[in-house]
Amino acid sequence: MPIIRNHHERWDGTGYPDGLSGINIPYLAQIFQIIDIYDALTSDRPHKKAYSPAEALKIILDETKKGWRNPELVDAFTSFIRSKEQ
């Protein structure tokens, strides 16, 4: 339940539904959030075409610079995705 409930929280506390920040966001919710965003960005949707993996990572990195994502998890996820591209 905490994964589903809290995957819209932001690292800086500006997310919802509980306004959690940093390590107060359940760890698995933080992981799921990054995967969910990447999947949404790299998938075709009725309202948009899929972004390339590089474009999706750039968007996630930009959001991390705004304070929305856990920088350590984003770094690890970015490294993983880039290792699969080679």
PDB file of N, CA and C in Angstrom:
ATOM      1  N   MET A   1       0.802  -1.204   0.000  1.00  0.00           N
ATOM      2  CA  MET A   1       0.000   0.000   0.000  1.00  0.00           C
ATOM      3  C   MET A   1       0.849   1.275   0.000  1.00  0.00           C
ATOM      4  N   PRO A   2       1.913   1.363   0.823  1.00  0.00           N
ATOM      5  CA  PRO A   2       2.705   2.596   0.835  1.00  0.00           C
ATOM      6  C   PRO A   2       3.329   2.925  -0.526  1.00  0.00           C
ATOM      7  N   ILE A   3       3.641   1.901  -1.318  1.00  0.00           N
ATOM      8  CA  ILE A   3       4.230   2.154  -2.638  1.00  0.00           C
ATOM      9  C   ILE A   3       3.221   2.905  -3.500  1.00  0.00           C
ATOM     10  N   ILE A   4       2.012   2.416  -3.544  1.00  0.00           N
ATOM     11  CA  ILE A   4       0.982   3.046  -4.363  1.00  0.00           C
ATOM     12  C   ILE A   4       0.608   4.407  -3.796  1.00  0.00           C
ATOM     13  N   ARG A   5       0.427   4.482  -2.501  1.00  0.00           N
ATOM     14  CA  ARG A   5      -0.003   5.733  -1.877  1.00  0.00           C
ATOM     15  C   ARG A   5       1.022   6.845  -2.051  1.00  0.00           C
ATOM     16  N   ASN A   6       2.294   6.527  -1.939  1.00  0.00           N
ATOM     17  CA  ASN A   6       3.311   7.574  -1.842  1.00  0.00           C
ATOM     18  C   ASN A   6       4.205   7.751  -3.058  1.00  0.00           C
ATOM     19  N   HIS A   7       3.879   7.141  -4.196  1.00  0.00           N
ATOM     20  CA  HIS A   7       4.776   7.291  -5.336  1.00  0.00           C
ATOM     21  C   HIS A   7       4.654   8.647  -6.040  1.00  0.00           C
ATOM     22  N   HIS A   8       3.737   9.500  -5.572  1.00  0.00           N
ATOM     23  CA  HIS A   8       3.654  10.870  -6.093  1.00  0.00           C
ATOM     24  C   HIS A   8       4.257  11.897  -5.132  1.00  0.00           C
ATOM     25  N   GLU A   9       4.876  11.418  -4.078  1.00  0.00           N
ATOM     26  CA  GLU A   9       5.588  12.321  -3.172  1.00  0.00           C
ATOM     27  C   GLU A   9       6.853  12.815  -3.879  1.00  0.00           C
ATOM     28  N   ARG A  10       7.337  13.956  -3.474  1.00  0.00           N
ATOM     29  CA  ARG A  10       8.566  14.505  -4.048  1.00  0.00           C
ATOM     30  C   ARG A  10       9.623  14.631  -2.964  1.00  0.00           C
ATOM     31  N   TRP A  11      10.857  14.435  -3.359  1.00  0.00           N
ATOM     32  CA  TRP A  11      11.993  14.462  -2.447  1.00  0.00           C
ATOM     33  C   TRP A  11      11.999  15.739  -1.612  1.00  0.00           C
ATOM     34  N   ASP A  12      11.574  16.865  -2.202  1.00  0.00           N
ATOM     35  CA  ASP A  12      11.591  18.150  -1.484  1.00  0.00           C
ATOM     36  C   ASP A  12      10.334  18.404  -0.660  1.00  0.00           C
ATOM     37  N   GLY A  13       9.386  17.452  -0.658  1.00  0.00           N
ATOM     38  CA  GLY A  13       8.191  17.580   0.160  1.00  0.00           C
ATOM     39  C   GLY A  13       7.003  18.228  -0.531  1.00  0.00           C
ATOM     40  N   THR A  14       7.124  18.555  -1.824  1.00  0.00           N
ATOM     41  CA  THR A  14       6.039  19.242  -2.527  1.00  0.00           C
ATOM     42  C   THR A  14       5.055  18.292  -3.213  1.00  0.00           C
ATOM     43  N   GLY A  15       5.209  17.000  -3.005  1.00  0.00           N
ATOM     44  CA  GLY A  15       4.311  16.026  -3.639  1.00  0.00           C
ATOM     45  C   GLY A  15       3.046  15.792  -2.833  1.00  0.00           C
ATOM     46  N   TYR A  16       2.370  14.728  -3.184  1.00  0.00           N
ATOM     47  CA  TYR A  16       1.113  14.391  -2.510  1.00  0.00           C
ATOM     48  C   TYR A  16       1.002  12.875  -2.394  1.00  0.00           C
ATOM     49  N   PRO A  17       0.183  12.329  -1.550  1.00  0.00           N
ATOM     50  CA  PRO A  17      -0.900  12.943  -0.802  1.00  0.00           C
ATOM     51  C   PRO A  17      -0.515  13.432   0.592  1.00  0.00           C
ATOM     52  N   ASP A  18       0.664  13.048   1.080  1.00  0.00           N
ATOM     53  CA  ASP A  18       1.003  13.335   2.472  1.00  0.00           C
ATOM     54  C   ASP A  18       2.075  14.402   2.664  1.00  0.00           C
ATOM     55  N   GLY A  19       2.629  14.919   1.570  1.00  0.00           N
ATOM     56  CA  GLY A  19       3.674  15.941   1.686  1.00  0.00           C
ATOM     57  C   GLY A  19       4.953  15.418   2.323  1.00  0.00           C
ATOM     58  N   LEU A  20       5.236  14.127   2.136  1.00  0.00           N
ATOM     59  CA  LEU A  20       6.445  13.539   2.700  1.00  0.00           C
ATOM     60  C   LEU A  20       7.667  14.042   1.935  1.00  0.00           C
ATOM     61  N   SER A  21       8.816  14.027   2.594  1.00  0.00           N
ATOM     62  CA  SER A  21      10.048  14.446   1.930  1.00  0.00           C
ATOM     63  C   SER A  21      11.188  13.508   2.296  1.00  0.00           C
ATOM     64  N   GLY A  22      12.209  13.520   1.439  1.00  0.00           N
ATOM     65  CA  GLY A  22      13.431  12.777   1.696  1.00  0.00           C
ATOM     66  C   GLY A  22      13.200  11.340   2.105  1.00  0.00           C
ATOM     67  N   ILE A  23      13.932  10.943   3.132  1.00  0.00           N
ATOM     68  CA  ILE A  23      13.875   9.549   3.572  1.00  0.00           C
ATOM     69  C   ILE A  23      12.554   9.172   4.236  1.00  0.00           C
ATOM     70  N   ASN A  24      11.682  10.143   4.439  1.00  0.00           N
ATOM     71  CA  ASN A  24      10.356   9.835   4.983  1.00  0.00           C
ATOM     72  C   ASN A  24       9.441   9.209   3.939  1.00  0.00           C
ATOM     73  N   ILE A  25       9.814   9.323   2.660  1.00  0.00           N
ATOM     74  CA  ILE A  25       9.066   8.663   1.594  1.00  0.00           C
ATOM     75  C   ILE A  25       9.490   7.193   1.606  1.00  0.00           C
ATOM     76  N   PRO A  26       8.553   6.261   1.657  1.00  0.00           N
ATOM     77  CA  PRO A  26       8.950   4.850   1.658  1.00  0.00           C
ATOM     78  C   PRO A  26       9.896   4.552   0.490  1.00  0.00           C
ATOM     79  N   TYR A  27      10.969   3.831   0.797  1.00  0.00           N
ATOM     80  CA  TYR A  27      12.028   3.575  -0.184  1.00  0.00           C
ATOM     81  C   TYR A  27      11.495   2.919  -1.455  1.00  0.00           C
ATOM     82  N   LEU A  28      10.637   1.922  -1.314  1.00  0.00           N
ATOM     83  CA  LEU A  28      10.095   1.264  -2.497  1.00  0.00           C
ATOM     84  C   LEU A  28       9.207   2.203  -3.309  1.00  0.00           C
ATOM     85  N   ALA A  29       8.553   3.159  -2.664  1.00  0.00           N
ATOM     86  CA  ALA A  29       7.770   4.156  -3.396  1.00  0.00           C
ATOM     87  C   ALA A  29       8.692   5.058  -4.218  1.00  0.00           C
ATOM     88  N   GLN A  30       9.856   5.384  -3.662  1.00  0.00           N
ATOM     89  CA  GLN A  30      10.831   6.192  -4.401  1.00  0.00           C
ATOM     90  C   GLN A  30      11.321   5.457  -5.644  1.00  0.00           C
ATOM     91  N   ILE A  31      11.594   4.184  -5.498  1.00  0.00           N
ATOM     92  CA  ILE A  31      12.055   3.373  -6.637  1.00  0.00           C
ATOM     93  C   ILE A  31      10.948   3.254  -7.678  1.00  0.00           C
ATOM     94  N   PHE A  32       9.751   2.907  -7.225  1.00  0.00           N
ATOM     95  CA  PHE A  32       8.625   2.752  -8.146  1.00  0.00           C
ATOM     96  C   PHE A  32       8.359   4.039  -8.901  1.00  0.00           C
ATOM     97  N   GLN A  33       8.469   5.165  -8.223  1.00  0.00           N
ATOM     98  CA  GLN A  33       8.226   6.466  -8.842  1.00  0.00           C
ATOM     99  C   GLN A  33       9.113   6.671 -10.067  1.00  0.00           C
ATOM    100  N   ILE A  34      10.386   6.399  -9.933  1.00  0.00           N
ATOM    101  CA  ILE A  34      11.325   6.602 -11.040  1.00  0.00           C
ATOM    102  C   ILE A  34      11.002   5.652 -12.190  1.00  0.00           C
ATOM    103  N   ILE A  35      10.741   4.406 -11.869  1.00  0.00           N
ATOM    104  CA  ILE A  35      10.401   3.424 -12.904  1.00  0.00           C
ATOM    105  C   ILE A  35       9.097   3.815 -13.595  1.00  0.00           C
ATOM    106  N   ASP A  36       8.108   4.233 -12.825  1.00  0.00           N
ATOM    107  CA  ASP A  36       6.811   4.623 -13.373  1.00  0.00           C
ATOM    108  C   ASP A  36       6.944   5.829 -14.299  1.00  0.00           C
ATOM    109  N   ILE A  37       7.714   6.816 -13.892  1.00  0.00           N
ATOM    110  CA  ILE A  37       7.919   8.003 -14.725  1.00  0.00           C
ATOM    111  C   ILE A  37       8.633   7.624 -16.016  1.00  0.00           C
ATOM    112  N   TYR A  38       9.681   6.835 -15.904  1.00  0.00           N
ATOM    113  CA  TYR A  38      10.433   6.412 -17.092  1.00  0.00           C
ATOM    114  C   TYR A  38       9.523   5.648 -18.056  1.00  0.00           C
ATOM    115  N   ASP A  39       8.732   4.737 -17.522  1.00  0.00           N
ATOM    116  CA  ASP A  39       7.810   3.978 -18.358  1.00  0.00           C
ATOM    117  C   ASP A  39       6.797   4.901 -19.040  1.00  0.00           C
ATOM    118  N   ALA A  40       6.243   5.836 -18.306  1.00  0.00           N
ATOM    119  CA  ALA A  40       5.270   6.761 -18.883  1.00  0.00           C
ATOM    120  C   ALA A  40       5.905   7.611 -19.990  1.00  0.00           C
ATOM    121  N   LEU A  41       7.129   8.057 -19.755  1.00  0.00           N
ATOM    122  CA  LEU A  41       7.797   8.903 -20.745  1.00  0.00           C
ATOM    123  C   LEU A  41       8.200   8.136 -21.997  1.00  0.00           C
ATOM    124  N   THR A  42       8.577   6.882 -21.850  1.00  0.00           N
ATOM    125  CA  THR A  42       9.083   6.115 -22.991  1.00  0.00           C
ATOM    126  C   THR A  42       8.004   5.275 -23.677  1.00  0.00           C
ATOM    127  N   SER A  43       6.762   5.463 -23.285  1.00  0.00           N
ATOM    128  CA  SER A  43       5.641   4.736 -23.894  1.00  0.00           C
ATOM    129  C   SER A  43       4.764   5.696 -24.687  1.00  0.00           C
ATOM    130  N   ASP A  44       4.261   5.213 -25.820  1.00  0.00           N
ATOM    131  CA  ASP A  44       3.265   5.991 -26.557  1.00  0.00           C
ATOM    132  C   ASP A  44       1.999   6.067 -25.718  1.00  0.00           C
ATOM    133  N   ARG A  45       1.398   7.219 -25.712  1.00  0.00           N
ATOM    134  CA  ARG A  45       0.127   7.449 -25.026  1.00  0.00           C
ATOM    135  C   ARG A  45      -0.824   8.100 -26.020  1.00  0.00           C
ATOM    136  N   PRO A  46      -2.118   8.064 -25.744  1.00  0.00           N
ATOM    137  CA  PRO A  46      -3.048   8.695 -26.685  1.00  0.00           C
ATOM    138  C   PRO A  46      -2.736  10.185 -26.932  1.00  0.00           C
ATOM    139  N   HIS A  47      -2.186  10.845 -25.925  1.00  0.00           N
ATOM    140  CA  HIS A  47      -1.936  12.285 -26.017  1.00  0.00           C
ATOM    141  C   HIS A  47      -0.496  12.650 -26.385  1.00  0.00           C
ATOM    142  N   LYS A  48       0.407  11.637 -26.517  1.00  0.00           N
ATOM    143  CA  LYS A  48       1.798  11.959 -26.839  1.00  0.00           C
ATOM    144  C   LYS A  48       2.526  10.749 -27.395  1.00  0.00           C
ATOM    145  N   LYS A  49       3.558  11.024 -28.150  1.00  0.00           N
ATOM    146  CA  LYS A  49       4.460   9.978 -28.634  1.00  0.00           C
ATOM    147  C   LYS A  49       5.477   9.677 -27.534  1.00  0.00           C
ATOM    148  N   ALA A  50       6.053   8.501 -27.595  1.00  0.00           N
ATOM    149  CA  ALA A  50       7.073   8.104 -26.623  1.00  0.00           C
ATOM    150  C   ALA A  50       8.334   8.941 -26.798  1.00  0.00           C
ATOM    151  N   TYR A  51       8.946   9.294 -25.696  1.00  0.00           N
ATOM    152  CA  TYR A  51      10.270   9.917 -25.713  1.00  0.00           C
ATOM    153  C   TYR A  51      11.310   8.820 -25.853  1.00  0.00           C
ATOM    154  N   SER A  52      12.461   9.170 -26.378  1.00  0.00           N
ATOM    155  CA  SER A  52      13.574   8.226 -26.419  1.00  0.00           C
ATOM    156  C   SER A  52      14.083   8.024 -24.996  1.00  0.00           C
ATOM    157  N   PRO A  53      14.827   6.935 -24.745  1.00  0.00           N
ATOM    158  CA  PRO A  53      15.405   6.756 -23.407  1.00  0.00           C
ATOM    159  C   PRO A  53      16.252   7.951 -22.973  1.00  0.00           C
ATOM    160  N   ALA A  54      17.043   8.502 -23.882  1.00  0.00           N
ATOM    161  CA  ALA A  54      17.890   9.650 -23.531  1.00  0.00           C
ATOM    162  C   ALA A  54      17.044  10.869 -23.147  1.00  0.00           C
ATOM    163  N   GLU A  55      15.973  11.108 -23.899  1.00  0.00           N
ATOM    164  CA  GLU A  55      15.089  12.240 -23.583  1.00  0.00           C
ATOM    165  C   GLU A  55      14.398  12.033 -22.238  1.00  0.00           C
ATOM    166  N   ALA A  56      13.954  10.809 -21.986  1.00  0.00           N
ATOM    167  CA  ALA A  56      13.286  10.508 -20.714  1.00  0.00           C
ATOM    168  C   ALA A  56      14.238  10.715 -19.542  1.00  0.00           C
ATOM    169  N   LEU A  57      15.474  10.241 -19.678  1.00  0.00           N
ATOM    170  CA  LEU A  57      16.453  10.431 -18.604  1.00  0.00           C
ATOM    171  C   LEU A  57      16.732  11.908 -18.370  1.00  0.00           C
ATOM    172  N   LYS A  58      16.784  12.689 -19.435  1.00  0.00           N
ATOM    173  CA  LYS A  58      17.019  14.128 -19.282  1.00  0.00           C
ATOM    174  C   LYS A  58      15.888  14.769 -18.488  1.00  0.00           C
ATOM    175  N   ILE A  59      14.651  14.395 -18.791  1.00  0.00           N
ATOM    176  CA  ILE A  59      13.504  14.941 -18.056  1.00  0.00           C
ATOM    177  C   ILE A  59      13.597  14.561 -16.579  1.00  0.00           C
ATOM    178  N   ILE A  60      13.903  13.301 -16.305  1.00  0.00           N
ATOM    179  CA  ILE A  60      14.020  12.848 -14.914  1.00  0.00           C
ATOM    180  C   ILE A  60      15.169  13.571 -14.210  1.00  0.00           C
ATOM    181  N   LEU A  61      16.295  13.751 -14.895  1.00  0.00           N
ATOM    182  CA  LEU A  61      17.431  14.474 -14.305  1.00  0.00           C
ATOM    183  C   LEU A  61      17.065  15.936 -14.042  1.00  0.00           C
ATOM    184  N   ASP A  62      16.347  16.562 -14.963  1.00  0.00           N
ATOM    185  CA  ASP A  62      15.907  17.945 -14.754  1.00  0.00           C
ATOM    186  C   ASP A  62      14.994  18.043 -13.541  1.00  0.00           C
ATOM    187  N   GLU A  63      14.093  17.075 -13.381  1.00  0.00           N
ATOM    188  CA  GLU A  63      13.214  17.067 -12.214  1.00  0.00           C
ATOM    189  C   GLU A  63      14.004  16.838 -10.924  1.00  0.00           C
ATOM    190  N   THR A  64      15.059  16.060 -11.016  1.00  0.00           N
ATOM    191  CA  THR A  64      15.908  15.822  -9.852  1.00  0.00           C
ATOM    192  C   THR A  64      16.605  17.113  -9.438  1.00  0.00           C
ATOM    193  N   LYS A  65      17.058  17.888 -10.417  1.00  0.00           N
ATOM    194  CA  LYS A  65      17.697  19.186 -10.117  1.00  0.00           C
ATOM    195  C   LYS A  65      16.721  20.146  -9.452  1.00  0.00           C
ATOM    196  N   LYS A  66      15.432  19.989  -9.723  1.00  0.00           N
ATOM    197  CA  LYS A  66      14.399  20.816  -9.080  1.00  0.00           C
ATOM    198  C   LYS A  66      14.129  20.362  -7.645  1.00  0.00           C
ATOM    199  N   GLY A  67      14.681  19.195  -7.275  1.00  0.00           N
ATOM    200  CA  GLY A  67      14.475  18.679  -5.929  1.00  0.00           C
ATOM    201  C   GLY A  67      13.351  17.674  -5.812  1.00  0.00           C
ATOM    202  N   TRP A  68      12.848  17.183  -6.939  1.00  0.00           N
ATOM    203  CA  TRP A  68      11.682  16.307  -6.910  1.00  0.00           C
ATOM    204  C   TRP A  68      12.012  14.842  -6.701  1.00  0.00           C
ATOM    205  N   ARG A  69      13.218  14.407  -7.007  1.00  0.00           N
ATOM    206  CA  ARG A  69      13.570  12.985  -6.968  1.00  0.00           C
ATOM    207  C   ARG A  69      14.796  12.759  -6.079  1.00  0.00           C
ATOM    208  N   ASN A  70      14.938  11.545  -5.598  1.00  0.00           N
ATOM    209  CA  ASN A  70      16.103  11.142  -4.807  1.00  0.00           C
ATOM    210  C   ASN A  70      17.312  11.078  -5.746  1.00  0.00           C
ATOM    211  N   PRO A  71      18.288  11.961  -5.571  1.00  0.00           N
ATOM    212  CA  PRO A  71      19.427  12.010  -6.492  1.00  0.00           C
ATOM    213  C   PRO A  71      20.219  10.705  -6.565  1.00  0.00           C
ATOM    214  N   GLU A  72      20.386  10.024  -5.463  1.00  0.00           N
ATOM    215  CA  GLU A  72      21.142   8.766  -5.467  1.00  0.00           C
ATOM    216  C   GLU A  72      20.426   7.693  -6.281  1.00  0.00           C
ATOM    217  N   LEU A  73      19.114   7.588  -6.116  1.00  0.00           N
ATOM    218  CA  LEU A  73      18.357   6.600  -6.889  1.00  0.00           C
ATOM    219  C   LEU A  73      18.329   6.955  -8.371  1.00  0.00           C
ATOM    220  N   VAL A  74      18.209   8.221  -8.679  1.00  0.00           N
ATOM    221  CA  VAL A  74      18.210   8.646 -10.082  1.00  0.00           C
ATOM    222  C   VAL A  74      19.562   8.351 -10.717  1.00  0.00           C
ATOM    223  N   ASP A  75      20.647   8.591  -9.994  1.00  0.00           N
ATOM    224  CA  ASP A  75      21.983   8.258 -10.521  1.00  0.00           C
ATOM    225  C   ASP A  75      22.103   6.769 -10.808  1.00  0.00           C
ATOM    226  N   ALA A  76      21.651   5.944  -9.871  1.00  0.00           N
ATOM    227  CA  ALA A  76      21.726   4.493 -10.062  1.00  0.00           C
ATOM    228  C   ALA A  76      20.847   4.050 -11.229  1.00  0.00           C
ATOM    229  N   PHE A  77      19.646   4.605 -11.313  1.00  0.00           N
ATOM    230  CA  PHE A  77      18.733   4.243 -12.403  1.00  0.00           C
ATOM    231  C   PHE A  77      19.310   4.680 -13.749  1.00  0.00           C
ATOM    232  N   THR A  78      19.855   5.883 -13.803  1.00  0.00           N
ATOM    233  CA  THR A  78      20.460   6.396 -15.034  1.00  0.00           C
ATOM    234  C   THR A  78      21.607   5.501 -15.480  1.00  0.00           C
ATOM    235  N   SER A  79      22.450   5.114 -14.548  1.00  0.00           N
ATOM    236  CA  SER A  79      23.567   4.219 -14.874  1.00  0.00           C
ATOM    237  C   SER A  79      23.063   2.886 -15.406  1.00  0.00           C
ATOM    238  N   PHE A  80      22.024   2.358 -14.788  1.00  0.00           N
ATOM    239  CA  PHE A  80      21.454   1.089 -15.232  1.00  0.00           C
ATOM    240  C   PHE A  80      20.916   1.205 -16.654  1.00  0.00           C
ATOM    241  N   ILE A  81      20.121   2.225 -16.925  1.00  0.00           N
ATOM    242  CA  ILE A  81      19.533   2.381 -18.258  1.00  0.00           C
ATOM    243  C   ILE A  81      20.634   2.576 -19.304  1.00  0.00           C
ATOM    244  N   ARG A  82      21.610   3.383 -18.986  1.00  0.00           N
ATOM    245  CA  ARG A  82      22.690   3.625 -19.946  1.00  0.00           C
ATOM    246  C   ARG A  82      23.508   2.360 -20.192  1.00  0.00           C
ATOM    247  N   SER A  83      23.650   1.504 -19.193  1.00  0.00           N
ATOM    248  CA  SER A  83      24.399   0.258 -19.382  1.00  0.00           C
ATOM    249  C   SER A  83      23.652  -0.696 -20.301  1.00  0.00           C
ATOM    250  N   LYS A  84      22.329  -0.600 -20.335  1.00  0.00           N
ATOM    251  CA  LYS A  84      21.534  -1.465 -21.201  1.00  0.00           C
ATOM    252  C   LYS A  84      21.527  -0.981 -22.651  1.00  0.00           C
ATOM    253  N   GLU A  85      21.859   0.293 -22.861  1.00  0.00           N
ATOM    254  CA  GLU A  85      21.889   0.850 -24.212  1.00  0.00           C
ATOM    255  C   GLU A  85      23.130   0.425 -24.978  1.00  0.00           C
ATOM    256  N   GLN A  86      24.153  -0.024 -24.290  1.00  0.00           N
ATOM    257  CA  GLN A  86      25.429  -0.350 -24.942  1.00  0.00           C
ATOM    258  C   GLN A  86      25.416  -1.722 -25.561  1.00  0.00           C
TER     259      GLN A  86
END
